[in-house]
Amino acid sequence: AVKGINDRGLSYASPWEWSYDPSFERIVFHELYVLRGKEKIDHLLKKNFEIIQREENLSRATYDGSLSVIVNLKNVRAGDIVVLAYSRKGRNPVFKNHYFKMYNFNYAFPIAKIAVRILAHENRKLQFKNFENVPEVVTTKKGTLNEYVWQAEDVQAVFDDDRSPNWYNPNSRVQISDFNDWDEFSRWT
């Protein structure tokens, strides 16, 4: 959920874009609505979604077949809350059954609440590497699954200094992998 508290903040609340490769994944949208006071305005209609093919590497003669889903909500006003829920399904087969991902816990705008939840089979041993101030992970056993949950509230904005080197990342983030170490990763590749 995103709330634009002024006209400038609406640039984070009304346009949305996701890229995906339809040869192995799909995006399923569960909810998309605007809360305006007590009114709930549903936007989960197909006419609000546009699918385009952007070949960002075409100038390098690289065609990857990825698509972009674009939602540009009309008539979103300051004070509105945009609520969005979606799932990504599928994984690139080149990664076989390995899992690695990075989650950020702050951005260039304040956030009321961030929650990340991962369910993994008990046989999949995940490794976590924290950078900066990452919320503590809460691990719960649910049958044959391990549940990992991170939550942060009232997250302040973090801004890059224009004079920082491009490799510097001030964001709080966690890297997750099922590889035990670099040696195991190098043997896999």
N, C-alpha and C. Protein backbone atom coordinates (compact mmCIF):
# COMPACT_ATOMS: atom_id res chain seq x y z
N ALA A 1 0.85 -1.18 0.00
CA ALA A 1 0.00 0.00 0.00
C ALA A 1 0.89 1.24 0.00
N VAL A 2 0.51 2.22 -0.82
CA VAL A 2 1.27 3.46 -0.93
C VAL A 2 0.31 4.63 -0.76
N LYS A 3 0.70 5.61 0.06
CA LYS A 3 -0.11 6.81 0.24
C LYS A 3 0.69 8.00 -0.23
N GLY A 4 0.16 8.70 -1.21
CA GLY A 4 0.78 9.94 -1.67
C GLY A 4 0.26 11.08 -0.81
N ILE A 5 1.13 11.66 0.02
CA ILE A 5 0.66 12.69 0.95
C ILE A 5 0.63 14.08 0.33
N ASN A 6 1.26 14.24 -0.84
CA ASN A 6 1.19 15.51 -1.57
C ASN A 6 1.32 15.20 -3.06
N ASP A 7 1.20 16.23 -3.89
CA ASP A 7 1.23 16.02 -5.34
C ASP A 7 2.54 15.39 -5.79
N ARG A 8 3.66 15.77 -5.17
CA ARG A 8 4.95 15.19 -5.55
C ARG A 8 5.00 13.69 -5.23
N GLY A 9 4.37 13.30 -4.13
CA GLY A 9 4.36 11.89 -3.73
C GLY A 9 3.52 11.02 -4.62
N LEU A 10 2.62 11.63 -5.40
CA LEU A 10 1.77 10.84 -6.29
C LEU A 10 2.58 10.13 -7.37
N SER A 11 3.78 10.63 -7.66
CA SER A 11 4.61 9.97 -8.68
C SER A 11 5.03 8.58 -8.22
N TYR A 12 4.96 8.29 -6.91
CA TYR A 12 5.26 6.95 -6.40
C TYR A 12 4.01 6.10 -6.26
N ALA A 13 2.83 6.71 -6.32
CA ALA A 13 1.59 6.01 -6.02
C ALA A 13 0.78 5.62 -7.25
N SER A 14 0.93 6.33 -8.37
CA SER A 14 0.03 6.05 -9.49
C SER A 14 0.66 5.26 -10.63
N PRO A 15 1.92 5.44 -10.99
CA PRO A 15 2.46 4.59 -12.07
C PRO A 15 3.17 3.37 -11.48
N TRP A 16 2.93 2.21 -12.06
CA TRP A 16 3.56 0.96 -11.61
C TRP A 16 4.07 0.22 -12.85
N GLU A 17 5.20 -0.45 -12.70
CA GLU A 17 5.74 -1.22 -13.83
C GLU A 17 6.50 -2.44 -13.32
N TRP A 18 6.28 -3.57 -13.98
CA TRP A 18 6.98 -4.81 -13.68
C TRP A 18 7.46 -5.42 -14.98
N SER A 19 8.67 -5.94 -14.99
CA SER A 19 9.17 -6.67 -16.15
C SER A 19 9.19 -8.16 -15.82
N TYR A 20 8.91 -8.95 -16.81
CA TYR A 20 8.94 -10.40 -16.62
C TYR A 20 9.20 -11.08 -17.96
N ASP A 21 9.62 -12.33 -17.88
CA ASP A 21 9.88 -13.12 -19.08
C ASP A 21 8.76 -14.16 -19.20
N PRO A 22 7.87 -14.02 -20.17
CA PRO A 22 6.71 -14.91 -20.27
C PRO A 22 7.07 -16.36 -20.62
N SER A 23 8.32 -16.61 -21.02
CA SER A 23 8.68 -17.99 -21.34
C SER A 23 8.81 -18.86 -20.09
N PHE A 24 8.97 -18.25 -18.90
CA PHE A 24 9.07 -19.06 -17.69
C PHE A 24 8.37 -18.46 -16.47
N GLU A 25 7.80 -17.26 -16.59
CA GLU A 25 7.14 -16.70 -15.42
C GLU A 25 5.90 -15.93 -15.81
N ARG A 26 5.06 -15.69 -14.81
CA ARG A 26 3.88 -14.88 -15.02
C ARG A 26 3.63 -14.07 -13.75
N ILE A 27 2.89 -13.00 -13.92
CA ILE A 27 2.51 -12.15 -12.80
C ILE A 27 1.00 -12.25 -12.63
N VAL A 28 0.58 -12.54 -11.41
CA VAL A 28 -0.84 -12.65 -11.10
C VAL A 28 -1.19 -11.51 -10.16
N PHE A 29 -2.14 -10.68 -10.56
CA PHE A 29 -2.58 -9.55 -9.74
C PHE A 29 -3.80 -9.96 -8.95
N HIS A 30 -3.73 -9.78 -7.63
CA HIS A 30 -4.82 -10.17 -6.74
C HIS A 30 -5.71 -8.98 -6.37
N GLU A 31 -5.08 -7.84 -6.11
CA GLU A 31 -5.83 -6.65 -5.73
C GLU A 31 -5.15 -5.41 -6.28
N LEU A 32 -5.96 -4.46 -6.69
CA LEU A 32 -5.48 -3.13 -7.05
C LEU A 32 -6.66 -2.18 -6.86
N TYR A 33 -6.56 -1.39 -5.80
CA TYR A 33 -7.64 -0.45 -5.53
C TYR A 33 -7.10 0.80 -4.83
N VAL A 34 -7.92 1.83 -4.85
CA VAL A 34 -7.59 3.10 -4.22
C VAL A 34 -8.57 3.32 -3.08
N LEU A 35 -8.04 3.63 -1.90
CA LEU A 35 -8.87 4.02 -0.77
C LEU A 35 -8.88 5.54 -0.71
N ARG A 36 -10.05 6.11 -0.83
CA ARG A 36 -10.21 7.56 -0.75
C ARG A 36 -11.23 7.80 0.37
N GLY A 37 -10.70 8.08 1.54
CA GLY A 37 -11.58 8.17 2.70
C GLY A 37 -12.16 6.80 2.98
N LYS A 38 -13.49 6.69 2.97
CA LYS A 38 -14.17 5.40 3.20
C LYS A 38 -14.53 4.69 1.89
N GLU A 39 -14.21 5.35 0.77
CA GLU A 39 -14.56 4.79 -0.54
C GLU A 39 -13.42 3.91 -1.05
N LYS A 40 -13.78 2.73 -1.57
CA LYS A 40 -12.83 1.80 -2.18
C LYS A 40 -13.09 1.76 -3.68
N ILE A 41 -12.10 2.23 -4.47
CA ILE A 41 -12.24 2.30 -5.92
C ILE A 41 -11.40 1.19 -6.54
N ASP A 42 -12.08 0.18 -7.09
CA ASP A 42 -11.39 -0.99 -7.64
C ASP A 42 -10.78 -0.67 -9.01
N HIS A 43 -9.51 -1.00 -9.20
CA HIS A 43 -8.83 -0.79 -10.48
C HIS A 43 -8.32 -2.10 -11.08
N LEU A 44 -8.83 -3.22 -10.58
CA LEU A 44 -8.34 -4.51 -11.06
C LEU A 44 -9.09 -4.93 -12.32
N LEU A 45 -9.19 -4.00 -13.25
CA LEU A 45 -9.82 -4.28 -14.54
C LEU A 45 -8.73 -4.38 -15.59
N LYS A 46 -8.93 -5.24 -16.57
CA LYS A 46 -7.91 -5.42 -17.60
C LYS A 46 -7.59 -4.14 -18.34
N LYS A 47 -8.55 -3.24 -18.46
CA LYS A 47 -8.31 -2.01 -19.21
C LYS A 47 -7.27 -1.11 -18.53
N ASN A 48 -7.00 -1.34 -17.25
CA ASN A 48 -6.01 -0.54 -16.53
C ASN A 48 -4.58 -1.06 -16.71
N PHE A 49 -4.44 -2.23 -17.31
CA PHE A 49 -3.13 -2.86 -17.48
C PHE A 49 -2.73 -2.82 -18.94
N GLU A 50 -1.49 -2.49 -19.18
CA GLU A 50 -0.96 -2.49 -20.55
C GLU A 50 0.28 -3.37 -20.56
N ILE A 51 0.36 -4.25 -21.53
CA ILE A 51 1.54 -5.11 -21.68
C ILE A 51 2.28 -4.65 -22.93
N ILE A 52 3.54 -4.31 -22.74
CA ILE A 52 4.35 -3.86 -23.87
C ILE A 52 5.65 -4.67 -23.90
N GLN A 53 6.24 -4.70 -25.06
CA GLN A 53 7.54 -5.37 -25.22
C GLN A 53 8.59 -4.31 -25.40
N ARG A 54 9.45 -4.21 -24.41
CA ARG A 54 10.56 -3.26 -24.46
C ARG A 54 11.85 -4.05 -24.59
N GLU A 55 12.51 -3.85 -25.63
CA GLU A 55 13.82 -4.50 -25.80
C GLU A 55 14.88 -3.48 -25.46
N GLU A 56 15.20 -3.40 -24.17
CA GLU A 56 16.14 -2.40 -23.68
C GLU A 56 17.56 -2.61 -24.19
N ASN A 57 17.88 -3.83 -24.60
CA ASN A 57 19.22 -4.12 -25.10
C ASN A 57 19.24 -4.30 -26.61
N LEU A 58 18.20 -3.82 -27.29
CA LEU A 58 18.13 -3.98 -28.74
C LEU A 58 19.29 -3.30 -29.44
N SER A 59 19.77 -2.18 -28.90
CA SER A 59 20.89 -1.48 -29.51
C SER A 59 22.16 -2.33 -29.49
N ARG A 60 22.19 -3.33 -28.60
CA ARG A 60 23.34 -4.26 -28.53
C ARG A 60 23.04 -5.55 -29.28
N ALA A 61 21.96 -5.54 -30.07
CA ALA A 61 21.53 -6.71 -30.83
C ALA A 61 21.19 -7.87 -29.92
N THR A 62 20.64 -7.55 -28.74
CA THR A 62 20.23 -8.57 -27.78
C THR A 62 18.72 -8.53 -27.65
N TYR A 63 18.10 -9.65 -27.92
CA TYR A 63 16.65 -9.77 -27.82
C TYR A 63 16.37 -10.77 -26.71
N ASP A 64 15.67 -10.33 -25.65
CA ASP A 64 15.42 -11.25 -24.54
C ASP A 64 13.96 -11.68 -24.41
N GLY A 65 13.05 -11.05 -25.12
CA GLY A 65 11.66 -11.48 -25.10
C GLY A 65 10.88 -11.06 -23.87
N SER A 66 11.48 -10.27 -23.00
CA SER A 66 10.77 -9.87 -21.79
C SER A 66 9.66 -8.88 -22.11
N LEU A 67 8.65 -8.88 -21.26
CA LEU A 67 7.52 -7.98 -21.39
C LEU A 67 7.44 -7.09 -20.15
N SER A 68 6.76 -5.98 -20.29
CA SER A 68 6.52 -5.10 -19.15
C SER A 68 5.02 -4.92 -18.99
N VAL A 69 4.57 -5.04 -17.74
CA VAL A 69 3.19 -4.74 -17.40
C VAL A 69 3.21 -3.34 -16.80
N ILE A 70 2.37 -2.47 -17.35
CA ILE A 70 2.33 -1.09 -16.90
C ILE A 70 0.92 -0.77 -16.43
N VAL A 71 0.84 -0.16 -15.26
CA VAL A 71 -0.42 0.35 -14.73
C VAL A 71 -0.19 1.81 -14.40
N ASN A 72 -0.97 2.67 -15.01
CA ASN A 72 -0.88 4.09 -14.72
C ASN A 72 -2.26 4.53 -14.26
N LEU A 73 -2.45 4.54 -12.95
CA LEU A 73 -3.76 4.84 -12.39
C LEU A 73 -4.13 6.30 -12.64
N LYS A 74 -5.34 6.50 -13.08
CA LYS A 74 -5.85 7.84 -13.34
C LYS A 74 -6.57 8.37 -12.10
N ASN A 75 -6.53 9.66 -11.94
CA ASN A 75 -7.29 10.34 -10.91
C ASN A 75 -6.90 9.95 -9.48
N VAL A 76 -5.63 9.61 -9.26
CA VAL A 76 -5.15 9.39 -7.90
C VAL A 76 -4.82 10.75 -7.30
N ARG A 77 -5.30 10.99 -6.10
CA ARG A 77 -5.16 12.30 -5.47
C ARG A 77 -4.29 12.21 -4.21
N ALA A 78 -3.76 13.35 -3.82
CA ALA A 78 -3.02 13.41 -2.56
C ALA A 78 -3.93 12.94 -1.43
N GLY A 79 -3.41 12.07 -0.58
CA GLY A 79 -4.19 11.50 0.51
C GLY A 79 -4.78 10.15 0.20
N ASP A 80 -4.85 9.78 -1.09
CA ASP A 80 -5.33 8.45 -1.47
C ASP A 80 -4.32 7.39 -1.06
N ILE A 81 -4.82 6.20 -0.77
CA ILE A 81 -3.97 5.05 -0.50
C ILE A 81 -4.18 4.05 -1.63
N VAL A 82 -3.10 3.71 -2.33
CA VAL A 82 -3.16 2.72 -3.41
C VAL A 82 -2.72 1.39 -2.81
N VAL A 83 -3.57 0.37 -2.94
CA VAL A 83 -3.30 -0.95 -2.40
C VAL A 83 -3.12 -1.91 -3.56
N LEU A 84 -2.01 -2.64 -3.54
CA LEU A 84 -1.66 -3.55 -4.62
C LEU A 84 -1.16 -4.85 -4.03
N ALA A 85 -1.66 -5.97 -4.54
CA ALA A 85 -1.17 -7.29 -4.13
C ALA A 85 -1.00 -8.12 -5.40
N TYR A 86 0.18 -8.72 -5.54
CA TYR A 86 0.45 -9.55 -6.71
C TYR A 86 1.45 -10.64 -6.35
N SER A 87 1.52 -11.65 -7.21
CA SER A 87 2.48 -12.74 -7.05
C SER A 87 3.23 -12.93 -8.37
N ARG A 88 4.50 -13.26 -8.24
CA ARG A 88 5.29 -13.68 -9.41
C ARG A 88 5.41 -15.18 -9.32
N LYS A 89 5.11 -15.87 -10.41
CA LYS A 89 5.18 -17.32 -10.42
C LYS A 89 6.11 -17.76 -11.53
N GLY A 90 7.01 -18.68 -11.18
CA GLY A 90 7.95 -19.22 -12.14
C GLY A 90 9.35 -18.71 -11.89
N ARG A 91 10.32 -19.48 -12.35
CA ARG A 91 11.72 -19.12 -12.18
C ARG A 91 12.47 -19.44 -13.45
N ASN A 92 13.51 -18.67 -13.69
CA ASN A 92 14.35 -18.91 -14.86
C ASN A 92 14.97 -20.30 -14.74
N PRO A 93 14.76 -21.17 -15.73
CA PRO A 93 15.28 -22.55 -15.63
C PRO A 93 16.81 -22.61 -15.59
N VAL A 94 17.50 -21.55 -16.01
CA VAL A 94 18.95 -21.57 -15.96
C VAL A 94 19.46 -21.65 -14.52
N PHE A 95 18.65 -21.19 -13.56
CA PHE A 95 19.06 -21.23 -12.16
C PHE A 95 18.79 -22.58 -11.52
N LYS A 96 18.20 -23.49 -12.30
CA LYS A 96 17.82 -24.81 -11.83
C LYS A 96 16.98 -24.65 -10.57
N ASN A 97 17.34 -25.28 -9.50
CA ASN A 97 16.50 -25.20 -8.30
C ASN A 97 17.11 -24.29 -7.24
N HIS A 98 18.04 -23.43 -7.62
CA HIS A 98 18.69 -22.56 -6.64
C HIS A 98 17.90 -21.28 -6.42
N TYR A 99 18.05 -20.75 -5.21
CA TYR A 99 17.35 -19.53 -4.85
C TYR A 99 18.35 -18.49 -4.39
N PHE A 100 18.24 -17.29 -4.96
CA PHE A 100 19.02 -16.15 -4.47
C PHE A 100 18.25 -14.89 -4.81
N LYS A 101 18.23 -13.97 -3.85
CA LYS A 101 17.41 -12.76 -3.99
C LYS A 101 17.94 -11.72 -3.02
N MET A 102 17.65 -10.45 -3.31
CA MET A 102 17.97 -9.38 -2.39
C MET A 102 16.70 -8.57 -2.14
N TYR A 103 16.47 -8.26 -0.87
CA TYR A 103 15.32 -7.45 -0.48
C TYR A 103 15.82 -6.18 0.20
N ASN A 104 15.27 -5.05 -0.21
CA ASN A 104 15.60 -3.76 0.40
C ASN A 104 14.59 -3.45 1.49
N PHE A 105 15.05 -2.73 2.51
CA PHE A 105 14.18 -2.33 3.61
C PHE A 105 14.08 -0.82 3.76
N ASN A 106 14.56 -0.08 2.79
CA ASN A 106 14.31 1.36 2.71
C ASN A 106 14.57 1.83 1.29
N TYR A 107 13.99 2.99 1.00
CA TYR A 107 14.07 3.55 -0.35
C TYR A 107 14.23 5.06 -0.24
N ALA A 108 14.08 5.76 -1.34
CA ALA A 108 14.25 7.22 -1.36
C ALA A 108 12.98 7.94 -0.94
N PHE A 109 12.07 7.24 -0.29
CA PHE A 109 10.84 7.82 0.23
C PHE A 109 10.48 7.07 1.51
N PRO A 110 9.79 7.73 2.44
CA PRO A 110 9.43 7.06 3.69
C PRO A 110 8.38 5.98 3.46
N ILE A 111 8.41 4.95 4.30
CA ILE A 111 7.49 3.83 4.17
C ILE A 111 6.92 3.52 5.55
N ALA A 112 5.59 3.36 5.63
CA ALA A 112 4.95 3.07 6.91
C ALA A 112 5.28 1.65 7.37
N LYS A 113 5.26 0.68 6.45
CA LYS A 113 5.55 -0.70 6.85
C LYS A 113 6.08 -1.49 5.67
N ILE A 114 7.12 -2.25 5.91
CA ILE A 114 7.66 -3.19 4.93
C ILE A 114 7.64 -4.56 5.57
N ALA A 115 7.16 -5.55 4.82
CA ALA A 115 7.17 -6.93 5.31
C ALA A 115 7.64 -7.84 4.19
N VAL A 116 8.55 -8.73 4.51
CA VAL A 116 9.03 -9.75 3.57
C VAL A 116 8.80 -11.10 4.23
N ARG A 117 8.22 -12.01 3.48
CA ARG A 117 7.95 -13.36 4.00
C ARG A 117 8.42 -14.38 2.99
N ILE A 118 9.20 -15.34 3.45
CA ILE A 118 9.68 -16.43 2.60
C ILE A 118 9.30 -17.75 3.25
N LEU A 119 8.73 -18.64 2.45
CA LEU A 119 8.48 -20.01 2.89
C LEU A 119 9.42 -20.91 2.12
N ALA A 120 10.18 -21.73 2.84
CA ALA A 120 11.14 -22.63 2.19
C ALA A 120 11.03 -24.01 2.85
N HIS A 121 11.17 -25.04 2.02
CA HIS A 121 11.16 -26.39 2.56
C HIS A 121 12.29 -26.54 3.56
N GLU A 122 12.06 -27.35 4.58
CA GLU A 122 13.05 -27.50 5.64
C GLU A 122 14.40 -28.03 5.14
N ASN A 123 14.41 -28.70 4.00
CA ASN A 123 15.67 -29.20 3.43
C ASN A 123 16.48 -28.12 2.73
N ARG A 124 15.85 -27.00 2.42
CA ARG A 124 16.56 -25.90 1.76
C ARG A 124 17.15 -25.00 2.84
N LYS A 125 18.45 -25.02 2.95
CA LYS A 125 19.15 -24.22 3.96
C LYS A 125 19.50 -22.86 3.35
N LEU A 126 18.87 -21.83 3.84
CA LEU A 126 19.10 -20.49 3.31
C LEU A 126 20.17 -19.77 4.12
N GLN A 127 20.98 -19.00 3.41
CA GLN A 127 22.01 -18.16 4.02
C GLN A 127 21.57 -16.71 3.89
N PHE A 128 21.81 -15.91 4.92
CA PHE A 128 21.41 -14.50 4.91
C PHE A 128 22.63 -13.63 5.17
N LYS A 129 22.76 -12.57 4.40
CA LYS A 129 23.82 -11.57 4.63
C LYS A 129 23.15 -10.21 4.71
N ASN A 130 23.27 -9.58 5.87
CA ASN A 130 22.65 -8.27 6.10
C ASN A 130 23.61 -7.15 5.78
N PHE A 131 23.07 -6.06 5.25
CA PHE A 131 23.82 -4.83 5.00
C PHE A 131 23.06 -3.69 5.65
N GLU A 132 23.79 -2.87 6.37
CA GLU A 132 23.22 -1.73 7.09
C GLU A 132 22.27 -2.25 8.18
N ASN A 133 21.15 -1.58 8.39
CA ASN A 133 20.28 -1.86 9.53
C ASN A 133 19.08 -2.68 9.09
N VAL A 134 19.22 -3.99 9.02
CA VAL A 134 18.15 -4.89 8.58
C VAL A 134 17.34 -5.33 9.79
N PRO A 135 16.00 -5.35 9.69
CA PRO A 135 15.20 -5.85 10.80
C PRO A 135 15.56 -7.31 11.10
N GLU A 136 15.35 -7.69 12.34
CA GLU A 136 15.65 -9.07 12.74
C GLU A 136 14.67 -10.01 12.07
N VAL A 137 15.19 -11.14 11.58
CA VAL A 137 14.33 -12.14 10.95
C VAL A 137 13.71 -13.00 12.04
N VAL A 138 12.42 -13.28 11.88
CA VAL A 138 11.71 -14.19 12.79
C VAL A 138 11.46 -15.48 12.02
N THR A 139 11.97 -16.58 12.55
CA THR A 139 11.86 -17.88 11.88
C THR A 139 10.86 -18.75 12.64
N THR A 140 9.94 -19.34 11.89
CA THR A 140 8.91 -20.21 12.47
C THR A 140 8.84 -21.48 11.64
N LYS A 141 8.68 -22.61 12.30
CA LYS A 141 8.52 -23.90 11.62
C LYS A 141 7.03 -24.13 11.40
N LYS A 142 6.65 -24.45 10.16
CA LYS A 142 5.26 -24.73 9.81
C LYS A 142 5.22 -26.05 9.05
N GLY A 143 5.12 -27.13 9.76
CA GLY A 143 5.15 -28.45 9.14
C GLY A 143 6.52 -28.70 8.56
N THR A 144 6.59 -28.95 7.25
CA THR A 144 7.88 -29.18 6.59
C THR A 144 8.47 -27.89 6.02
N LEU A 145 7.85 -26.76 6.35
CA LEU A 145 8.32 -25.47 5.84
C LEU A 145 8.92 -24.63 6.95
N ASN A 146 9.92 -23.86 6.58
CA ASN A 146 10.45 -22.81 7.45
C ASN A 146 9.93 -21.48 6.92
N GLU A 147 9.38 -20.69 7.82
CA GLU A 147 8.88 -19.37 7.46
C GLU A 147 9.86 -18.33 8.01
N TYR A 148 10.29 -17.41 7.13
CA TYR A 148 11.20 -16.32 7.50
C TYR A 148 10.45 -15.01 7.27
N VAL A 149 10.38 -14.17 8.30
CA VAL A 149 9.63 -12.92 8.19
C VAL A 149 10.49 -11.77 8.71
N TRP A 150 10.57 -10.71 7.90
CA TRP A 150 11.20 -9.45 8.29
C TRP A 150 10.12 -8.39 8.24
N GLN A 151 10.09 -7.51 9.25
CA GLN A 151 9.13 -6.41 9.25
C GLN A 151 9.81 -5.14 9.76
N ALA A 152 9.48 -4.04 9.14
CA ALA A 152 9.99 -2.74 9.59
C ALA A 152 8.85 -1.73 9.47
N GLU A 153 8.74 -0.85 10.44
CA GLU A 153 7.70 0.17 10.42
C GLU A 153 8.31 1.56 10.54
N ASP A 154 7.59 2.54 10.00
CA ASP A 154 8.02 3.93 10.02
C ASP A 154 9.45 4.08 9.51
N VAL A 155 9.68 3.54 8.33
CA VAL A 155 11.01 3.53 7.71
C VAL A 155 11.27 4.90 7.07
N GLN A 156 12.35 5.51 7.48
CA GLN A 156 12.71 6.83 6.94
C GLN A 156 13.35 6.69 5.56
N ALA A 157 13.24 7.71 4.77
CA ALA A 157 13.84 7.73 3.44
C ALA A 157 15.36 7.75 3.56
N VAL A 158 16.03 7.13 2.60
CA VAL A 158 17.49 7.15 2.52
C VAL A 158 17.85 7.71 1.15
N PHE A 159 18.69 8.72 1.14
CA PHE A 159 19.06 9.35 -0.11
C PHE A 159 20.53 9.09 -0.41
N ASP A 160 20.82 8.85 -1.68
CA ASP A 160 22.21 8.72 -2.12
C ASP A 160 22.83 10.10 -2.19
N ASP A 161 24.05 10.21 -1.76
CA ASP A 161 24.81 11.43 -1.95
C ASP A 161 25.32 11.42 -3.39
N ASP A 162 25.09 12.48 -4.13
CA ASP A 162 25.52 12.53 -5.53
C ASP A 162 27.01 12.32 -5.70
N ARG A 163 27.77 12.56 -4.66
CA ARG A 163 29.22 12.42 -4.76
C ARG A 163 29.72 11.04 -4.31
N SER A 164 28.79 10.16 -3.95
CA SER A 164 29.18 8.81 -3.55
C SER A 164 29.62 8.02 -4.77
N PRO A 165 30.55 7.08 -4.59
CA PRO A 165 30.92 6.21 -5.72
C PRO A 165 29.72 5.35 -6.11
N ASN A 166 29.66 4.97 -7.38
CA ASN A 166 28.48 4.24 -7.87
C ASN A 166 28.33 2.86 -7.25
N TRP A 167 29.37 2.31 -6.66
CA TRP A 167 29.28 0.99 -6.03
C TRP A 167 28.71 1.08 -4.62
N TYR A 168 28.61 2.28 -4.06
CA TYR A 168 28.14 2.43 -2.69
C TYR A 168 26.61 2.35 -2.63
N ASN A 169 26.09 1.54 -1.73
CA ASN A 169 24.66 1.38 -1.57
C ASN A 169 24.31 1.61 -0.09
N PRO A 170 23.65 2.71 0.25
CA PRO A 170 23.35 2.99 1.65
C PRO A 170 22.10 2.29 2.18
N ASN A 171 21.39 1.56 1.33
CA ASN A 171 20.13 0.95 1.74
C ASN A 171 20.33 -0.24 2.67
N SER A 172 19.40 -0.38 3.60
CA SER A 172 19.33 -1.59 4.42
C SER A 172 18.80 -2.70 3.52
N ARG A 173 19.48 -3.82 3.51
CA ARG A 173 19.08 -4.91 2.61
C ARG A 173 19.62 -6.24 3.13
N VAL A 174 18.98 -7.30 2.68
CA VAL A 174 19.44 -8.64 3.01
C VAL A 174 19.60 -9.41 1.70
N GLN A 175 20.72 -10.11 1.57
CA GLN A 175 20.94 -11.02 0.45
C GLN A 175 20.67 -12.43 0.95
N ILE A 176 19.93 -13.18 0.14
CA ILE A 176 19.53 -14.53 0.53
C ILE A 176 19.96 -15.49 -0.56
N SER A 177 20.51 -16.63 -0.15
CA SER A 177 20.95 -17.63 -1.10
C SER A 177 20.89 -19.01 -0.47
N ASP A 178 20.71 -20.03 -1.30
CA ASP A 178 20.80 -21.38 -0.77
C ASP A 178 22.19 -21.99 -1.02
N PHE A 179 23.11 -21.18 -1.57
CA PHE A 179 24.50 -21.62 -1.67
C PHE A 179 25.17 -21.40 -0.31
N ASN A 180 26.01 -22.35 0.10
CA ASN A 180 26.70 -22.21 1.39
C ASN A 180 27.81 -21.18 1.35
N ASP A 181 28.48 -21.10 0.19
CA ASP A 181 29.61 -20.17 0.08
C ASP A 181 29.95 -19.97 -1.40
N TRP A 182 30.95 -19.11 -1.67
CA TRP A 182 31.35 -18.81 -3.05
C TRP A 182 31.93 -20.04 -3.74
N ASP A 183 32.58 -20.90 -2.99
CA ASP A 183 33.16 -22.10 -3.58
C ASP A 183 32.07 -23.00 -4.16
N GLU A 184 31.00 -23.19 -3.40
CA GLU A 184 29.88 -23.99 -3.90
C GLU A 184 29.26 -23.34 -5.13
N PHE A 185 29.11 -22.02 -5.11
CA PHE A 185 28.56 -21.29 -6.25
C PHE A 185 29.45 -21.47 -7.48
N SER A 186 30.77 -21.34 -7.33
CA SER A 186 31.68 -21.45 -8.48
C SER A 186 31.66 -22.87 -9.07
N ARG A 187 31.47 -23.87 -8.24
CA ARG A 187 31.36 -25.25 -8.76
C ARG A 187 30.06 -25.43 -9.53
N TRP A 188 29.00 -24.73 -9.12
CA TRP A 188 27.71 -24.84 -9.79
C TRP A 188 27.74 -24.21 -11.16
N THR A 189 28.39 -23.02 -11.28
CA THR A 189 28.40 -22.31 -12.56
C THR A 189 29.35 -22.99 -13.49
